[in-house]
C-alpha atoms as a PDB file:
ATOM      1  CA  MET A   1     -32.117  15.799 -15.331  1.00  0.00           C
ATOM      2  CA  LEU A   2     -34.689  18.311 -16.456  1.00  0.00           C
ATOM      3  CA  LEU A   3     -37.512  15.337 -15.570  1.00  0.00           C
ATOM      4  CA  ARG A   4     -36.094  15.032 -11.929  1.00  0.00           C
ATOM      5  CA  ARG A   5     -36.442  18.699 -11.569  1.00  0.00           C
ATOM      6  CA  ILE A   6     -39.932  18.524 -12.570  1.00  0.00           C
ATOM      7  CA  ALA A   7     -40.868  15.377 -10.932  1.00  0.00           C
ATOM      8  CA  ARG A   8     -39.540  16.006  -7.361  1.00  0.00           C
ATOM      9  CA  PRO A   9     -41.502  19.138  -6.615  1.00  0.00           C
ATOM     10  CA  LEU A  10     -44.836  17.438  -8.060  1.00  0.00           C
ATOM     11  CA  LEU A  11     -43.903  14.618  -5.379  1.00  0.00           C
ATOM     12  CA  ALA A  12     -43.085  16.722  -2.652  1.00  0.00           C
ATOM     13  CA  GLY A  13     -46.069  19.077  -2.915  1.00  0.00           C
ATOM     14  CA  ILE A  14     -48.600  16.762  -1.324  1.00  0.00           C
ATOM     15  CA  PHE A  15     -46.368  16.276   1.782  1.00  0.00           C
ATOM     16  CA  ILE A  16     -45.562  19.886   2.000  1.00  0.00           C
ATOM     17  CA  THR A  17     -49.193  20.777   1.998  1.00  0.00           C
ATOM     18  CA  GLY A  18     -50.205  17.735   4.191  1.00  0.00           C
ATOM     19  CA  GLY A  19     -47.626  18.732   7.018  1.00  0.00           C
ATOM     20  CA  ILE A  20     -48.879  22.263   7.082  1.00  0.00           C
ATOM     21  CA  ALA A  21     -52.198  21.181   7.649  1.00  0.00           C
ATOM     22  CA  GLN A  22     -50.946  19.177  10.322  1.00  0.00           C
ATOM     23  CA  LEU A  23     -49.166  21.974  11.996  1.00  0.00           C
ATOM     24  CA  ARG A  24     -52.436  23.949  11.900  1.00  0.00           C
ATOM     25  CA  ASP A  25     -54.642  21.574  13.507  1.00  0.00           C
ATOM     26  CA  PRO A  26     -52.552  19.030  15.466  1.00  0.00           C
ATOM     27  CA  GLU A  27     -55.146  18.117  18.027  1.00  0.00           C
ATOM     28  CA  GLY A  28     -57.694  17.077  15.066  1.00  0.00           C
ATOM     29  CA  HIS A  29     -54.851  14.851  13.498  1.00  0.00           C
ATOM     30  CA  ALA A  30     -54.114  13.521  16.961  1.00  0.00           C
ATOM     31  CA  LYS A  31     -57.541  12.489  17.606  1.00  0.00           C
ATOM     32  CA  ALA A  32     -57.854  10.696  14.385  1.00  0.00           C
ATOM     33  CA  ALA A  33     -54.491   9.016  14.622  1.00  0.00           C
ATOM     34  CA  HIS A  34     -55.116   8.092  18.388  1.00  0.00           C
ATOM     35  CA  PRO A  35     -55.203   4.289  17.976  1.00  0.00           C
ATOM     36  CA  VAL A  36     -51.835   4.103  15.990  1.00  0.00           C
ATOM     37  CA  LEU A  37     -50.031   6.756  17.822  1.00  0.00           C
ATOM     38  CA  ASP A  38     -50.654   4.961  21.233  1.00  0.00           C
ATOM     39  CA  GLN A  39     -49.001   1.818  19.673  1.00  0.00           C
ATOM     40  CA  VAL A  40     -46.110   4.103  18.649  1.00  0.00           C
ATOM     41  CA  ALA A  41     -45.785   5.296  21.976  1.00  0.00           C
ATOM     42  CA  GLY A  42     -45.743   1.894  23.557  1.00  0.00           C
ATOM     43  CA  MET A  43     -43.113   0.571  21.452  1.00  0.00           C
ATOM     44  CA  VAL A  44     -40.913   3.813  22.608  1.00  0.00           C
ATOM     45  CA  PRO A  45     -38.303   2.470  25.202  1.00  0.00           C
ATOM     46  CA  VAL A  46     -38.835   5.347  27.602  1.00  0.00           C
ATOM     47  CA  GLU A  47     -40.688   6.167  30.801  1.00  0.00           C
ATOM     48  CA  ASP A  48     -42.778   9.063  29.589  1.00  0.00           C
ATOM     49  CA  PRO A  49     -43.479   8.764  26.060  1.00  0.00           C
ATOM     50  CA  PRO A  50     -44.327  12.083  23.957  1.00  0.00           C
ATOM     51  CA  SER A  51     -47.961  13.131  23.664  1.00  0.00           C
ATOM     52  CA  SER A  52     -49.977  12.367  20.682  1.00  0.00           C
ATOM     53  CA  VAL A  53     -50.076  16.364  19.394  1.00  0.00           C
ATOM     54  CA  THR A  54     -46.020  16.321  19.870  1.00  0.00           C
ATOM     55  CA  MET A  55     -45.751  13.269  17.551  1.00  0.00           C
ATOM     56  CA  VAL A  56     -48.348  15.011  15.081  1.00  0.00           C
ATOM     57  CA  ARG A  57     -46.069  17.698  15.112  1.00  0.00           C
ATOM     58  CA  VAL A  58     -42.929  16.303  14.875  1.00  0.00           C
ATOM     59  CA  ASP A  59     -44.418  14.000  11.886  1.00  0.00           C
ATOM     60  CA  ALA A  60     -45.691  17.544  10.331  1.00  0.00           C
ATOM     61  CA  GLY A  61     -42.066  18.716  10.624  1.00  0.00           C
ATOM     62  CA  VAL A  62     -40.607  16.014   8.842  1.00  0.00           C
ATOM     63  CA  LYS A  63     -43.029  16.029   6.086  1.00  0.00           C
ATOM     64  CA  VAL A  64     -42.625  19.877   5.687  1.00  0.00           C
ATOM     65  CA  GLY A  65     -38.688  19.843   5.776  1.00  0.00           C
ATOM     66  CA  ALA A  66     -37.855  16.844   3.988  1.00  0.00           C
ATOM     67  CA  GLY A  67     -40.557  17.696   1.164  1.00  0.00           C
ATOM     68  CA  VAL A  68     -38.832  21.204   0.674  1.00  0.00           C
ATOM     69  CA  LEU A  69     -35.258  19.267   0.603  1.00  0.00           C
ATOM     70  CA  LEU A  70     -36.899  16.770  -2.210  1.00  0.00           C
ATOM     71  CA  ALA A  71     -38.717  19.682  -4.018  1.00  0.00           C
ATOM     72  CA  LEU A  72     -35.426  21.901  -4.161  1.00  0.00           C
ATOM     73  CA  GLY A  73     -33.138  18.410  -5.018  1.00  0.00           C
ATOM     74  CA  LYS A  74     -31.072  18.642  -1.886  1.00  0.00           C
ATOM     75  CA  ALA A  75     -30.282  15.410  -0.523  1.00  0.00           C
ATOM     76  CA  PRO A  76     -33.102  13.824  -2.653  1.00  0.00           C
ATOM     77  CA  ARG A  77     -32.559  10.339  -1.548  1.00  0.00           C
ATOM     78  CA  LEU A  78     -32.282  10.809   2.198  1.00  0.00           C
ATOM     79  CA  SER A  79     -35.385  13.048   2.065  1.00  0.00           C
ATOM     80  CA  ALA A  80     -37.503  10.661  -0.025  1.00  0.00           C
ATOM     81  CA  ALA A  81     -36.674   8.060   2.268  1.00  0.00           C
ATOM     82  CA  ALA A  82     -37.639  10.359   5.082  1.00  0.00           C
ATOM     83  CA  LEU A  83     -41.113  10.791   3.606  1.00  0.00           C
ATOM     84  CA  ALA A  84     -41.522   7.364   2.953  1.00  0.00           C
ATOM     85  CA  ALA A  85     -40.836   6.571   6.686  1.00  0.00           C
ATOM     86  CA  SER A  86     -43.469   9.083   7.716  1.00  0.00           C
ATOM     87  CA  LEU A  87     -46.091   8.281   5.031  1.00  0.00           C
ATOM     88  CA  ILE A  88     -46.534   4.786   6.500  1.00  0.00           C
ATOM     89  CA  PRO A  89     -47.787   5.462   9.790  1.00  0.00           C
ATOM     90  CA  THR A  90     -49.758   8.316   8.554  1.00  0.00           C
ATOM     91  CA  THR A  91     -51.630   6.114   6.029  1.00  0.00           C
ATOM     92  CA  LEU A  92     -52.157   3.472   8.659  1.00  0.00           C
ATOM     93  CA  ALA A  93     -53.687   6.243  11.061  1.00  0.00           C
ATOM     94  CA  GLY A  94     -55.735   7.991   8.837  1.00  0.00           C
ATOM     95  CA  HIS A  95     -57.003   5.477   6.303  1.00  0.00           C
ATOM     96  CA  ARG A  96     -57.992   2.557   8.186  1.00  0.00           C
ATOM     97  CA  PHE A  97     -60.864   1.687   5.803  1.00  0.00           C
ATOM     98  CA  TRP A  98     -61.144  -2.076   7.007  1.00  0.00           C
ATOM     99  CA  GLU A  99     -62.301  -0.845  10.271  1.00  0.00           C
ATOM    100  CA  MET A 100     -65.395   1.444   8.724  1.00  0.00           C
ATOM    101  CA  GLU A 101     -68.875   0.186   8.411  1.00  0.00           C
ATOM    102  CA  ASP A 102     -70.108   2.959   5.887  1.00  0.00           C
ATOM    103  CA  PRO A 103     -69.743   1.836   2.434  1.00  0.00           C
ATOM    104  CA  GLU A 104     -69.018   5.347   0.929  1.00  0.00           C
ATOM    105  CA  LEU A 105     -66.707   6.513   3.525  1.00  0.00           C
ATOM    106  CA  ARG A 106     -64.891   3.114   3.598  1.00  0.00           C
ATOM    107  CA  LYS A 107     -64.328   3.292  -0.345  1.00  0.00           C
ATOM    108  CA  LEU A 108     -63.387   6.953  -0.067  1.00  0.00           C
ATOM    109  CA  HIS A 109     -60.417   5.721   2.643  1.00  0.00           C
ATOM    110  CA  GLN A 110     -59.612   2.759   0.439  1.00  0.00           C
ATOM    111  CA  VAL A 111     -58.835   5.149  -2.507  1.00  0.00           C
ATOM    112  CA  GLN A 112     -56.843   7.428   0.002  1.00  0.00           C
ATOM    113  CA  PHE A 113     -54.982   4.322   1.009  1.00  0.00           C
ATOM    114  CA  VAL A 114     -54.076   2.841  -2.240  1.00  0.00           C
ATOM    115  CA  LYS A 115     -52.923   6.573  -3.092  1.00  0.00           C
ATOM    116  CA  ASN A 116     -50.719   6.863  -0.562  1.00  0.00           C
ATOM    117  CA  MET A 117     -49.187   3.389  -1.541  1.00  0.00           C
ATOM    118  CA  GLY A 118     -48.762   4.896  -5.081  1.00  0.00           C
ATOM    119  CA  LEU A 119     -46.946   7.710  -3.206  1.00  0.00           C
ATOM    120  CA  LEU A 120     -44.768   5.234  -1.204  1.00  0.00           C
ATOM    121  CA  GLY A 121     -43.767   3.586  -4.386  1.00  0.00           C
ATOM    122  CA  GLY A 122     -42.796   6.760  -5.793  1.00  0.00           C
ATOM    123  CA  LEU A 123     -40.869   7.754  -2.712  1.00  0.00           C
ATOM    124  CA  MET A 124     -39.078   4.360  -2.937  1.00  0.00           C
ATOM    125  CA  LEU A 125     -37.877   4.871  -6.248  1.00  0.00           C
ATOM    126  CA  ALA A 126     -36.774   8.554  -5.556  1.00  0.00           C
ATOM    127  CA  SER A 127     -34.607   7.241  -2.560  1.00  0.00           C
ATOM    128  CA  ALA A 128     -33.068   4.706  -4.726  1.00  0.00           C
ATOM    129  CA  ASP A 129     -32.441   7.061  -7.819  1.00  0.00           C
ATOM    130  CA  THR A 130     -28.730   7.629  -8.051  1.00  0.00           C
ATOM    131  CA  GLU A 131     -28.645   9.835 -11.045  1.00  0.00           C
ATOM    132  CA  GLY A 132     -26.274   7.791 -12.676  1.00  0.00           C
ATOM    133  CA  LYS A 133     -23.888   7.932  -9.921  1.00  0.00           C
ATOM    134  CA  PRO A 134     -22.632   4.556  -7.750  1.00  0.00           C
ATOM    135  CA  SER A 135     -24.662   3.663  -5.028  1.00  0.00           C
ATOM    136  CA  MET A 136     -23.636   3.854  -1.320  1.00  0.00           C
ATOM    137  CA  ALA A 137     -23.565  -0.311  -1.286  1.00  0.00           C
ATOM    138  CA  TRP A 138     -21.607  -0.416  -4.274  1.00  0.00           C
ATOM    139  CA  ARG A 139     -19.001   2.462  -2.946  1.00  0.00           C
ATOM    140  CA  ALA A 140     -18.942   0.219   0.277  1.00  0.00           C
ATOM    141  CA  ARG A 141     -17.957  -3.011  -1.724  1.00  0.00           C
ATOM    142  CA  ARG A 142     -15.755  -1.042  -3.972  1.00  0.00           C
ATOM    143  CA  ALA A 143     -13.767   0.307  -0.821  1.00  0.00           C
ATOM    144  CA  GLY A 144     -13.240  -3.105   0.569  1.00  0.00           C
ATOM    145  CA  ARG A 145     -12.051  -4.659  -3.057  1.00  0.00           C
ATOM    146  CA  THR A 146      -9.636  -1.661  -3.260  1.00  0.00           C
ATOM    147  CA  SER A 147      -8.245  -2.392   0.340  1.00  0.00           C
ATOM    148  CA  ALA A 148      -7.719  -6.077  -0.574  1.00  0.00           C
ATOM    149  CA  ALA A 149      -6.030  -5.364  -3.941  1.00  0.00           C
ATOM    150  CA  THR A 150      -3.819  -2.556  -2.534  1.00  0.00           C
ATOM    151  CA  ALA A 151      -2.477  -5.021   0.056  1.00  0.00           C
ATOM    152  CA  GLU A 152      -2.130  -7.403  -2.488  1.00  0.00           C
ATOM    153  CA  LEU A 153      -0.085  -4.993  -4.666  1.00  0.00           C
ATOM    154  CA  PHE A 154       1.968  -4.086  -1.652  1.00  0.00           C
ATOM    155  CA  HIS A 155       2.875  -7.678  -0.976  1.00  0.00           C
ATOM    156  CA  LYS A 156       3.927  -8.074  -4.542  1.00  0.00           C
ATOM    157  CA  ASP A 157       6.076  -5.087  -4.492  1.00  0.00           C
ATOM    158  CA  ILE A 158       7.862  -6.271  -1.384  1.00  0.00           C
ATOM    159  CA  THR A 159       8.610  -9.621  -2.913  1.00  0.00           C
ATOM    160  CA  THR A 160      10.129  -8.215  -5.900  1.00  0.00           C
ATOM    161  CA  GLY A 161      12.156  -5.752  -3.388  1.00  0.00           C
ATOM    162  CA  LEU A 162      13.522  -8.884  -1.689  1.00  0.00           C
ATOM    163  CA  GLY A 163      14.550 -10.765  -4.929  1.00  0.00           C
ATOM    164  CA  ALA A 164      16.429  -7.627  -6.148  1.00  0.00           C
ATOM    165  CA  LEU A 165      18.181  -7.230  -2.810  1.00  0.00           C
ATOM    166  CA  SER A 166      19.246 -10.966  -2.998  1.00  0.00           C
ATOM    167  CA  GLU A 167      20.446 -10.637  -6.495  1.00  0.00           C
ATOM    168  CA  ARG A 168      22.452  -7.737  -5.611  1.00  0.00           C
ATOM    169  CA  ALA A 169      24.098  -9.561  -2.722  1.00  0.00           C
ATOM    170  CA  GLY A 170      24.942 -12.466  -5.072  1.00  0.00           C
ATOM    171  CA  LEU A 171      26.380  -9.943  -7.601  1.00  0.00           C
ATOM    172  CA  ALA A 172      28.427  -8.434  -4.713  1.00  0.00           C
ATOM    173  CA  GLY A 173      29.901 -11.642  -3.849  1.00  0.00           C
ATOM    174  CA  ASP A 174      30.842 -12.660  -7.208  1.00  0.00           C
ATOM    175  CA  GLN A 175      32.803  -9.336  -7.956  1.00  0.00           C
ATOM    176  CA  ALA A 176      34.557  -9.685  -4.781  1.00  0.00           C
ATOM    177  CA  SER A 177      35.591 -13.355  -5.817  1.00  0.00           C
ATOM    178  CA  ALA A 178      36.584 -11.981  -9.058  1.00  0.00           C
ATOM    179  CA  ALA A 179      38.550  -9.250  -7.515  1.00  0.00           C
ATOM    180  CA  ALA A 180      40.452 -11.606  -5.346  1.00  0.00           C
ATOM    181  CA  GLY A 181      41.274 -13.685  -8.227  1.00  0.00           C
ATOM    182  CA  ARG A 182      42.530 -10.859 -10.233  1.00  0.00           C
ATOM    183  CA  ALA A 183      44.719  -9.726  -7.186  1.00  0.00           C
ATOM    184  CA  GLY A 184      46.290 -13.173  -6.983  1.00  0.00           C
ATOM    185  CA  GLU A 185      46.972 -13.250 -10.732  1.00  0.00           C
ATOM    186  CA  GLN A 186      48.800  -9.958 -10.314  1.00  0.00           C
ATOM    187  CA  ALA A 187      50.805 -10.982  -7.577  1.00  0.00           C
ATOM    188  CA  SER A 188      52.109 -14.032  -9.419  1.00  0.00           C
ATOM    189  CA  ALA A 189      52.947 -12.015 -12.527  1.00  0.00           C
ATOM    190  CA  VAL A 190      54.777  -9.600 -10.530  1.00  0.00           C
ATOM    191  CA  ALA A 191      57.016 -12.443  -8.624  1.00  0.00           C
ATOM    192  CA  GLY A 192      57.423 -14.248 -11.813  1.00  0.00           C
ATOM    193  CA  ARG A 193      58.807 -11.028 -13.470  1.00  0.00           C
ATOM    194  CA  ALA A 194      60.979 -10.314 -10.665  1.00  0.00           C
ATOM    195  CA  GLY A 195      62.687 -13.777 -10.839  1.00  0.00           C
ATOM    196  CA  GLU A 196      63.019 -13.323 -14.425  1.00  0.00           C
ATOM    197  CA  GLN A 197      64.805 -10.166 -13.910  1.00  0.00           C
ATOM    198  CA  ALA A 198      67.116 -11.500 -11.005  1.00  0.00           C
ATOM    199  CA  SER A 199      67.996 -14.602 -13.306  1.00  0.00           C
ATOM    200  CA  ALA A 200      68.885 -12.353 -16.401  1.00  0.00           C
ATOM    201  CA  LEU A 201      71.136  -9.978 -14.194  1.00  0.00           C
ATOM    202  CA  ALA A 202      73.018 -12.689 -12.781  1.00  0.00           C
ATOM    203  CA  GLY A 203      73.395 -14.280 -16.295  1.00  0.00           C
ATOM    204  CA  ARG A 204      74.819 -11.041 -17.535  1.00  0.00           C
ATOM    205  CA  ALA A 205      77.003 -10.298 -14.474  1.00  0.00           C
ATOM    206  CA  SER A 206      78.641 -13.756 -15.167  1.00  0.00           C
ATOM    207  CA  GLY A 207      79.369 -13.332 -18.938  1.00  0.00           C
ATOM    208  CA  HIS A 208      80.507 -10.072 -18.452  1.00  0.00           C
ATOM    209  CA  ALA A 209      83.061 -11.146 -15.615  1.00  0.00           C
ATOM    210  CA  ALA A 210      84.305 -13.943 -17.651  1.00  0.00           C
ATOM    211  CA  ALA A 211      84.672 -11.875 -20.785  1.00  0.00           C
ATOM    212  CA  VAL A 212      86.854  -9.289 -18.838  1.00  0.00           C
ATOM    213  CA  ALA A 213      88.934 -12.316 -17.447  1.00  0.00           C
ATOM    214  CA  GLY A 214      89.508 -13.669 -21.070  1.00  0.00           C
ATOM    215  CA  ARG A 215      90.633 -10.169 -22.652  1.00  0.00           C
ATOM    216  CA  ALA A 216      92.875  -9.528 -19.374  1.00  0.00           C
ATOM    217  CA  SER A 217      94.532 -12.914 -19.557  1.00  0.00           C
ATOM    218  CA  ASP A 218      95.319 -12.474 -23.377  1.00  0.00           C
ATOM    219  CA  ARG A 219      96.405  -8.807 -22.994  1.00  0.00           C
ATOM    220  CA  PHE A 220      98.312  -8.737 -19.594  1.00  0.00           C
ATOM    221  CA  GLY A 221      99.446 -12.017 -18.483  1.00  0.00           C
ATOM    222  CA  ASP A 222     100.994 -10.697 -15.145  1.00  0.00           C
ATOM    223  CA  GLN A 223      97.481  -9.243 -13.963  1.00  0.00           C
ATOM    224  CA  THR A 224      95.729 -12.387 -14.644  1.00  0.00           C
ATOM    225  CA  GLY A 225      95.277 -13.396 -11.111  1.00  0.00           C
ATOM    226  CA  ARG A 226      94.115 -10.005 -10.088  1.00  0.00           C
ATOM    227  CA  LEU A 227      91.718  -9.779 -12.444  1.00  0.00           C
ATOM    228  CA  LEU A 228      90.436 -13.329 -11.781  1.00  0.00           C
ATOM    229  CA  GLU A 229      90.025 -12.298  -8.120  1.00  0.00           C
ATOM    230  CA  GLU A 230      88.011  -9.157  -9.666  1.00  0.00           C
ATOM    231  CA  ALA A 231      85.981 -11.235 -11.733  1.00  0.00           C
ATOM    232  CA  GLU A 232      85.403 -13.669  -9.052  1.00  0.00           C
ATOM    233  CA  ARG A 233      84.375 -10.569  -6.692  1.00  0.00           C
ATOM    234  CA  TRP A 234      82.237  -9.457  -9.397  1.00  0.00           C
ATOM    235  CA  ARG A 235      80.464 -12.704  -9.444  1.00  0.00           C
ATOM    236  CA  GLY A 236      79.887 -13.083  -6.106  1.00  0.00           C
ATOM    237  CA  GLU A 237      78.332  -9.213  -5.881  1.00  0.00           C
ATOM    238  CA  ALA A 238      76.081 -10.357  -8.803  1.00  0.00           C
ATOM    239  CA  GLU A 239      74.905 -13.525  -6.778  1.00  0.00           C
ATOM    240  CA  LYS A 240      74.402 -11.397  -3.615  1.00  0.00           C
ATOM    241  CA  ARG A 241      72.284  -8.925  -5.634  1.00  0.00           C
ATOM    242  CA  ALA A 242      70.349 -11.688  -7.534  1.00  0.00           C
ATOM    243  CA  THR A 243      69.514 -13.246  -3.965  1.00  0.00           C
ATOM    244  CA  GLU A 244      68.369  -9.578  -2.817  1.00  0.00           C
ATOM    245  CA  VAL A 245      66.374  -9.428  -5.820  1.00  0.00           C
ATOM    246  CA  ALA A 246      65.045 -12.862  -5.114  1.00  0.00           C
ATOM    247  CA  LYS A 247      64.218 -11.963  -1.783  1.00  0.00           C
ATOM    248  CA  ARG A 248      62.707  -8.844  -2.409  1.00  0.00           C
ATOM    249  CA  ALA A 249      60.626 -10.564  -5.133  1.00  0.00           C
ATOM    250  CA  ARG A 250      59.586 -13.180  -2.846  1.00  0.00           C
ATOM    251  CA  LYS A 251      58.611 -10.206  -0.150  1.00  0.00           C
ATOM    252  CA  ALA A 252      56.638  -8.503  -2.850  1.00  0.00           C
ATOM    253  CA  SER A 253      54.526 -11.715  -3.530  1.00  0.00           C
ATOM    254  CA  LYS A 254      53.849 -12.312   0.108  1.00  0.00           C
ATOM    255  CA  ARG A 255      52.818  -8.611   0.520  1.00  0.00           C
ATOM    256  CA  ALA A 256      50.458  -8.915  -2.783  1.00  0.00           C
ATOM    257  CA  SER A 257      49.008 -12.212  -1.397  1.00  0.00           C
ATOM    258  CA  LYS A 258      48.710 -10.904   2.119  1.00  0.00           C
ATOM    259  CA  ARG A 259      46.960  -7.716   0.262  1.00  0.00           C
ATOM    260  CA  ALA A 260      44.887 -10.094  -1.890  1.00  0.00           C
ATOM    261  CA  SER A 261      43.608 -12.017   1.223  1.00  0.00           C
ATOM    262  CA  LYS A 262      42.462  -8.769   2.888  1.00  0.00           C
ATOM    263  CA  ARG A 263      40.820  -7.790   0.188  1.00  0.00           C
ATOM    264  CA  ILE A 264      39.082 -10.895  -0.344  1.00  0.00           C
ATOM    265  CA  GLU A 265      38.081 -11.104   3.402  1.00  0.00           C
ATOM    266  CA  GLN A 266      36.812  -7.423   3.234  1.00  0.00           C
ATOM    267  CA  ALA A 267      34.589  -8.365   0.310  1.00  0.00           C
ATOM    268  CA  SER A 268      33.421 -11.308   1.769  1.00  0.00           C
ATOM    269  CA  LYS A 269      32.518  -9.231   4.981  1.00  0.00           C
ATOM    270  CA  ASP A 270      30.972  -6.380   2.984  1.00  0.00           C
ATOM    271  CA  ALA A 271      28.921  -9.034   1.300  1.00  0.00           C
ATOM    272  CA  ASP A 272      27.840 -10.897   4.404  1.00  0.00           C
ATOM    273  CA  ARG A 273      27.042  -7.296   6.188  1.00  0.00           C
ATOM    274  CA  ARG A 274      24.851  -6.561   2.938  1.00  0.00           C
ATOM    275  CA  LEU A 275      23.260  -9.873   2.794  1.00  0.00           C
ATOM    276  CA  GLN A 276      22.370  -9.459   6.751  1.00  0.00           C
ATOM    277  CA  ARG A 277      21.001  -6.139   6.450  1.00  0.00           C
ATOM    278  CA  ALA A 278      19.016  -7.164   3.400  1.00  0.00           C
ATOM    279  CA  SER A 279      17.691 -10.155   5.362  1.00  0.00           C
ATOM    280  CA  LYS A 280      16.699  -7.972   8.273  1.00  0.00           C
ATOM    281  CA  ARG A 281      14.801  -5.415   5.950  1.00  0.00           C
ATOM    282  CA  ALA A 282      12.972  -8.351   4.429  1.00  0.00           C
ATOM    283  CA  ALA A 283      12.146  -9.721   7.640  1.00  0.00           C
ATOM    284  CA  LYS A 284      10.940  -6.438   8.972  1.00  0.00           C
ATOM    285  CA  VAL A 285       8.987  -5.938   5.824  1.00  0.00           C
ATOM    286  CA  ARG A 286       7.508  -9.519   5.921  1.00  0.00           C
ATOM    287  CA  ALA A 287       6.306  -8.736   9.572  1.00  0.00           C
ATOM    288  CA  GLU A 288       4.781  -5.516   8.381  1.00  0.00           C
ATOM    289  CA  VAL A 289       2.869  -6.895   5.282  1.00  0.00           C
ATOM    290  CA  PRO A 290       0.015  -8.615   7.363  1.00  0.00           C
ATOM    291  CA  LYS A 291      -0.225  -5.609   9.534  1.00  0.00           C
ATOM    292  CA  ARG A 292      -0.716  -3.231   7.005  1.00  0.00           C
ATOM    293  CA  ALA A 293      -2.954  -5.546   4.987  1.00  0.00           C
ATOM    294  CA  GLU A 294      -5.016  -6.064   8.146  1.00  0.00           C
ATOM    295  CA  LYS A 295      -5.005  -2.339   8.520  1.00  0.00           C
ATOM    296  CA  LEU A 296      -6.264  -1.487   4.914  1.00  0.00           C
ATOM    297  CA  ARG A 297      -9.044  -4.533   5.589  1.00  0.00           C
ATOM    298  CA  ALA A 298     -10.241  -3.086   8.668  1.00  0.00           C
ATOM    299  CA  GLU A 299     -10.232   0.545   7.172  1.00  0.00           C
ATOM    300  CA  GLY A 300     -12.196  -0.574   4.298  1.00  0.00           C
ATOM    301  CA  ALA A 301     -14.559  -2.546   6.669  1.00  0.00           C
ATOM    302  CA  LYS A 302     -15.233   0.551   8.885  1.00  0.00           C
ATOM    303  CA  ARG A 303     -16.174   2.588   5.497  1.00  0.00           C
ATOM    304  CA  ALA A 304     -18.110   0.241   4.380  1.00  0.00           C
ATOM    305  CA  GLU A 305     -20.067   0.004   8.081  1.00  0.00           C
ATOM    306  CA  LYS A 306     -20.240   3.983   7.958  1.00  0.00           C
ATOM    307  CA  LEU A 307     -21.656   3.845   4.682  1.00  0.00           C
ATOM    308  CA  ARG A 308     -24.181   1.086   5.743  1.00  0.00           C
ATOM    309  CA  ALA A 309     -25.155   3.081   8.714  1.00  0.00           C
ATOM    310  CA  SER A 310     -25.748   6.040   7.009  1.00  0.00           C
ATOM    311  CA  VAL A 311     -28.662   4.469   4.934  1.00  0.00           C
ATOM    312  CA  PRO A 312     -32.135   5.061   6.461  1.00  0.00           C
ATOM    313  CA  ALA A 313     -33.549   2.017   8.343  1.00  0.00           C
ATOM    314  CA  GLY A 314     -37.013   2.156   5.978  1.00  0.00           C
ATOM    315  CA  VAL A 315     -35.000   1.860   2.683  1.00  0.00           C
ATOM    316  CA  SER A 316     -34.220  -1.649   1.583  1.00  0.00           C
ATOM    317  CA  ASN A 317     -33.018  -1.073  -2.088  1.00  0.00           C
ATOM    318  CA  TRP A 318     -29.495   0.970  -2.373  1.00  0.00           C
END
């Protein structure tokens, strides 16, 4: 960190002084760079290109502004790239040693040309120096990979959720079947107990009537017929009660069966509705997954494109 704080002002100093010199004498620098400036003005797609003096002043402003930013460590990569871009036309305009006939002057400008190439190499290194941080190109690639990974993870979560919904629907169906079976068993048990109770009651009534008739026949000979009639009446009533109890038992069995059937139908309907809702949600989620994935990829591509567009055109290593 300390090395960068020392190296950046040293590298920016020559550009700041050169820019100030150009601002003080723009006509002289424009005259010296007239051939190159004419070529640059010819490449500008405008009807009225700027004058040579204006272009020299713009170049001087870039050198002073970018040099100060580089010396202060503010946006060092961008300022270094701007200085590198301004150094190339300046070198071609001011140090065309291959066109000079005087040996000493040619040698002097050749040295200046090589010196500027060395400065250009230093600026290229400064523009590529990330200070240990990821570069813009790396961030763009990482953004694309992160978008793809997010889409894949989202798809996995949706698939897992669909599997869980299917398992819950199956469990609901199993529970409904088990409930229906228990209801049927309970109804059968109730009917059986009712029939057993009716048979036992009829047997007890018949035995009681026979016992009464026997005791009455032994003790009261004259009243035997009347007691037999009474016993017969008791037996008839017992049979009627047994019949009524059996009817009630059958009715209870039918009601229990109907309730069990209704519960089974309701449980089946509930399971079908849940399964349909789960299927609709699954279809909706499957339809949204490609859209969200495409949206994430598009956002990643836009971010990458913005990062690439923010890189200056004169810098190749990012």
